[in-house]
Amino acid sequence: EAGLLDGGFFSHLEWEVCQQVERKNGRLLELLELVVARACAKVEEGKPEVRLLTRLLHTAGKLQRLEIYEQQLALSAPVTKARFAEAVR
């Protein structure tokens, strides 16, 4: 459930990743990478501002980011723009 994916969950997940890095446990780190990806995707559901921020953070090219701003953020509802602004602070 998305409600269980709070700060405590992510703090514990971060601790677990650090433990496995110290132990050089590659197999478990691969599994944890999947857990992190799934948890982030679950948190992003229904939150267009978070999806947009994630997409921008994963876009390397300046021109590509500008296109995303122009095509998505500029056309977003005012409430989404406000939430996006809050998310990047």
N, C-alpha and C. Protein backbone atom coordinates (compact mmCIF):
# COMPACT_ATOMS: atom_id res chain seq x y z
N GLU A 1 0.82 -1.19 0.00
CA GLU A 1 0.00 0.00 0.00
C GLU A 1 0.86 1.25 0.00
N ALA A 2 0.44 2.25 -0.74
CA ALA A 2 1.19 3.49 -0.83
C ALA A 2 1.27 4.20 0.52
N GLY A 3 0.27 4.02 1.37
CA GLY A 3 0.27 4.66 2.68
C GLY A 3 1.41 4.21 3.58
N LEU A 4 1.94 3.02 3.33
CA LEU A 4 3.04 2.50 4.13
C LEU A 4 4.40 3.00 3.63
N LEU A 5 4.41 3.65 2.47
CA LEU A 5 5.66 4.12 1.88
C LEU A 5 5.93 5.55 2.37
N ASP A 6 6.24 5.65 3.64
CA ASP A 6 6.49 6.95 4.24
C ASP A 6 7.98 7.16 4.49
N GLY A 7 8.31 8.21 5.18
CA GLY A 7 9.71 8.52 5.47
C GLY A 7 10.42 7.41 6.22
N GLY A 8 9.72 6.76 7.13
CA GLY A 8 10.31 5.66 7.89
C GLY A 8 10.69 4.49 7.00
N PHE A 9 9.80 4.18 6.06
CA PHE A 9 10.08 3.09 5.11
C PHE A 9 11.34 3.40 4.30
N PHE A 10 11.39 4.61 3.75
CA PHE A 10 12.53 4.96 2.90
C PHE A 10 13.82 5.10 3.71
N SER A 11 13.73 5.54 4.96
CA SER A 11 14.92 5.59 5.82
C SER A 11 15.46 4.19 6.07
N HIS A 12 14.55 3.25 6.36
CA HIS A 12 14.98 1.87 6.59
C HIS A 12 15.57 1.28 5.31
N LEU A 13 14.96 1.57 4.18
CA LEU A 13 15.46 1.07 2.90
C LEU A 13 16.86 1.62 2.62
N GLU A 14 17.07 2.89 2.92
CA GLU A 14 18.39 3.49 2.75
C GLU A 14 19.41 2.80 3.66
N TRP A 15 19.03 2.53 4.90
CA TRP A 15 19.92 1.84 5.84
C TRP A 15 20.26 0.45 5.30
N GLU A 16 19.25 -0.26 4.81
CA GLU A 16 19.47 -1.61 4.28
C GLU A 16 20.43 -1.59 3.09
N VAL A 17 20.26 -0.63 2.20
CA VAL A 17 21.16 -0.50 1.05
C VAL A 17 22.59 -0.27 1.54
N CYS A 18 22.77 0.62 2.49
CA CYS A 18 24.12 0.89 3.03
C CYS A 18 24.73 -0.37 3.64
N GLN A 19 23.93 -1.14 4.36
CA GLN A 19 24.42 -2.39 4.95
C GLN A 19 24.89 -3.35 3.87
N GLN A 20 24.14 -3.47 2.81
CA GLN A 20 24.50 -4.42 1.75
C GLN A 20 25.67 -3.93 0.92
N VAL A 21 25.83 -2.62 0.80
CA VAL A 21 27.01 -2.07 0.12
C VAL A 21 28.26 -2.42 0.92
N GLU A 22 28.18 -2.23 2.25
CA GLU A 22 29.32 -2.58 3.11
C GLU A 22 29.68 -4.06 3.00
N ARG A 23 28.66 -4.90 2.89
CA ARG A 23 28.88 -6.35 2.80
C ARG A 23 29.19 -6.81 1.37
N LYS A 24 29.11 -5.87 0.42
CA LYS A 24 29.35 -6.18 -0.99
C LYS A 24 28.43 -7.30 -1.48
N ASN A 25 27.17 -7.23 -1.07
CA ASN A 25 26.18 -8.23 -1.41
C ASN A 25 25.44 -7.80 -2.67
N GLY A 26 26.03 -8.08 -3.81
CA GLY A 26 25.50 -7.65 -5.10
C GLY A 26 24.11 -8.18 -5.41
N ARG A 27 23.87 -9.44 -5.07
CA ARG A 27 22.56 -10.04 -5.38
C ARG A 27 21.44 -9.32 -4.64
N LEU A 28 21.66 -9.06 -3.35
CA LEU A 28 20.62 -8.38 -2.59
C LEU A 28 20.49 -6.92 -3.03
N LEU A 29 21.59 -6.30 -3.41
CA LEU A 29 21.52 -4.92 -3.91
C LEU A 29 20.69 -4.84 -5.19
N GLU A 30 20.80 -5.85 -6.04
CA GLU A 30 19.97 -5.88 -7.25
C GLU A 30 18.49 -5.94 -6.90
N LEU A 31 18.16 -6.76 -5.90
CA LEU A 31 16.76 -6.85 -5.45
C LEU A 31 16.30 -5.54 -4.82
N LEU A 32 17.17 -4.93 -4.03
CA LEU A 32 16.81 -3.66 -3.39
C LEU A 32 16.60 -2.56 -4.43
N GLU A 33 17.35 -2.62 -5.51
CA GLU A 33 17.18 -1.64 -6.59
C GLU A 33 15.76 -1.75 -7.16
N LEU A 34 15.28 -2.97 -7.32
CA LEU A 34 13.91 -3.18 -7.80
C LEU A 34 12.89 -2.68 -6.79
N VAL A 35 13.15 -2.93 -5.51
CA VAL A 35 12.23 -2.47 -4.46
C VAL A 35 12.15 -0.94 -4.47
N VAL A 36 13.29 -0.29 -4.59
CA VAL A 36 13.32 1.18 -4.62
C VAL A 36 12.54 1.69 -5.83
N ALA A 37 12.78 1.10 -6.99
CA ALA A 37 12.09 1.54 -8.21
C ALA A 37 10.58 1.36 -8.08
N ARG A 38 10.14 0.21 -7.57
CA ARG A 38 8.70 -0.05 -7.41
C ARG A 38 8.08 0.89 -6.38
N ALA A 39 8.79 1.13 -5.28
CA ALA A 39 8.27 2.02 -4.24
C ALA A 39 8.13 3.44 -4.77
N CYS A 40 9.12 3.89 -5.51
CA CYS A 40 9.05 5.24 -6.08
C CYS A 40 7.91 5.34 -7.08
N ALA A 41 7.74 4.33 -7.90
CA ALA A 41 6.64 4.33 -8.88
C ALA A 41 5.29 4.38 -8.17
N LYS A 42 5.17 3.65 -7.08
CA LYS A 42 3.92 3.62 -6.32
C LYS A 42 3.62 5.00 -5.72
N VAL A 43 4.65 5.64 -5.19
CA VAL A 43 4.47 6.97 -4.60
C VAL A 43 4.08 7.98 -5.67
N GLU A 44 4.60 7.81 -6.88
CA GLU A 44 4.32 8.74 -7.98
C GLU A 44 2.90 8.62 -8.53
N GLU A 45 2.25 7.47 -8.32
CA GLU A 45 0.90 7.27 -8.86
C GLU A 45 -0.03 8.39 -8.42
N GLY A 46 -0.73 8.94 -9.38
CA GLY A 46 -1.71 9.97 -9.06
C GLY A 46 -1.12 11.31 -8.71
N LYS A 47 0.18 11.47 -8.87
CA LYS A 47 0.82 12.74 -8.55
C LYS A 47 1.59 13.22 -9.79
N PRO A 48 0.91 13.93 -10.68
CA PRO A 48 1.57 14.34 -11.92
C PRO A 48 2.80 15.22 -11.69
N GLU A 49 2.79 16.01 -10.63
CA GLU A 49 3.94 16.87 -10.36
C GLU A 49 5.18 16.05 -10.00
N VAL A 50 4.98 14.94 -9.31
CA VAL A 50 6.11 14.07 -8.93
C VAL A 50 6.61 13.31 -10.16
N ARG A 51 5.69 12.83 -10.99
CA ARG A 51 6.09 12.15 -12.23
C ARG A 51 6.89 13.10 -13.12
N LEU A 52 6.44 14.35 -13.22
CA LEU A 52 7.13 15.33 -14.04
C LEU A 52 8.52 15.61 -13.49
N LEU A 53 8.63 15.78 -12.19
CA LEU A 53 9.93 16.03 -11.57
C LEU A 53 10.87 14.85 -11.80
N THR A 54 10.38 13.64 -11.64
CA THR A 54 11.19 12.45 -11.88
C THR A 54 11.68 12.41 -13.31
N ARG A 55 10.78 12.69 -14.24
CA ARG A 55 11.16 12.68 -15.66
C ARG A 55 12.24 13.73 -15.93
N LEU A 56 12.08 14.91 -15.37
CA LEU A 56 13.07 15.97 -15.58
C LEU A 56 14.43 15.59 -14.98
N LEU A 57 14.41 14.97 -13.83
CA LEU A 57 15.65 14.57 -13.17
C LEU A 57 16.39 13.49 -13.95
N HIS A 58 15.65 12.70 -14.71
CA HIS A 58 16.27 11.63 -15.49
C HIS A 58 16.56 12.04 -16.94
N THR A 59 16.34 13.30 -17.27
CA THR A 59 16.59 13.80 -18.62
C THR A 59 17.88 14.61 -18.60
N ALA A 60 18.87 14.14 -19.34
CA ALA A 60 20.19 14.78 -19.31
C ALA A 60 20.27 16.04 -20.17
N GLY A 61 19.62 16.05 -21.31
CA GLY A 61 19.76 17.15 -22.25
C GLY A 61 18.97 18.39 -21.86
N LYS A 62 19.62 19.54 -21.91
CA LYS A 62 18.98 20.80 -21.56
C LYS A 62 17.80 21.10 -22.49
N LEU A 63 17.98 20.86 -23.78
CA LEU A 63 16.90 21.11 -24.74
C LEU A 63 15.72 20.16 -24.52
N GLN A 64 16.02 18.91 -24.16
CA GLN A 64 14.95 17.95 -23.88
C GLN A 64 14.16 18.37 -22.65
N ARG A 65 14.87 18.86 -21.63
CA ARG A 65 14.18 19.33 -20.42
C ARG A 65 13.29 20.53 -20.75
N LEU A 66 13.79 21.44 -21.59
CA LEU A 66 13.01 22.60 -21.99
C LEU A 66 11.73 22.17 -22.71
N GLU A 67 11.84 21.17 -23.58
CA GLU A 67 10.67 20.64 -24.28
C GLU A 67 9.64 20.08 -23.29
N ILE A 68 10.14 19.37 -22.29
CA ILE A 68 9.24 18.80 -21.27
C ILE A 68 8.51 19.93 -20.54
N TYR A 69 9.27 20.96 -20.15
CA TYR A 69 8.64 22.11 -19.50
C TYR A 69 7.54 22.69 -20.38
N GLU A 70 7.87 22.92 -21.65
CA GLU A 70 6.92 23.57 -22.56
C GLU A 70 5.72 22.69 -22.87
N GLN A 71 5.93 21.40 -23.00
CA GLN A 71 4.85 20.50 -23.39
C GLN A 71 4.01 20.01 -22.22
N GLN A 72 4.59 19.94 -21.04
CA GLN A 72 3.84 19.37 -19.92
C GLN A 72 3.56 20.39 -18.83
N LEU A 73 4.59 21.02 -18.29
CA LEU A 73 4.37 21.91 -17.16
C LEU A 73 3.58 23.15 -17.57
N ALA A 74 3.92 23.73 -18.70
CA ALA A 74 3.23 24.94 -19.14
C ALA A 74 1.74 24.69 -19.36
N LEU A 75 1.38 23.48 -19.73
CA LEU A 75 -0.02 23.15 -20.02
C LEU A 75 -0.74 22.53 -18.82
N SER A 76 -0.05 22.39 -17.71
CA SER A 76 -0.63 21.75 -16.53
C SER A 76 -1.62 22.68 -15.83
N ALA A 77 -2.47 22.07 -15.04
CA ALA A 77 -3.42 22.84 -14.23
C ALA A 77 -2.65 23.66 -13.19
N PRO A 78 -3.20 24.79 -12.79
CA PRO A 78 -2.53 25.64 -11.79
C PRO A 78 -2.16 24.89 -10.51
N VAL A 79 -3.02 23.99 -10.07
CA VAL A 79 -2.72 23.24 -8.84
C VAL A 79 -1.50 22.34 -9.04
N THR A 80 -1.36 21.74 -10.23
CA THR A 80 -0.20 20.91 -10.52
C THR A 80 1.06 21.76 -10.56
N LYS A 81 0.98 22.94 -11.16
CA LYS A 81 2.13 23.85 -11.20
C LYS A 81 2.57 24.25 -9.79
N ALA A 82 1.59 24.54 -8.93
CA ALA A 82 1.91 24.92 -7.55
C ALA A 82 2.56 23.76 -6.81
N ARG A 83 2.03 22.55 -6.99
CA ARG A 83 2.62 21.37 -6.33
C ARG A 83 4.00 21.08 -6.86
N PHE A 84 4.20 21.28 -8.16
CA PHE A 84 5.52 21.07 -8.76
C PHE A 84 6.51 22.06 -8.14
N ALA A 85 6.12 23.32 -8.04
CA ALA A 85 6.98 24.34 -7.44
C ALA A 85 7.35 23.96 -6.01
N GLU A 86 6.38 23.44 -5.27
CA GLU A 86 6.63 23.02 -3.88
C GLU A 86 7.58 21.82 -3.85
N ALA A 87 7.44 20.91 -4.80
CA ALA A 87 8.28 19.71 -4.83
C ALA A 87 9.74 20.02 -5.12
N VAL A 88 10.01 21.08 -5.87
CA VAL A 88 11.39 21.38 -6.23
C VAL A 88 12.07 22.32 -5.24
N ARG A 89 11.36 22.78 -4.24
CA ARG A 89 11.98 23.66 -3.24
C ARG A 89 12.88 22.92 -2.32
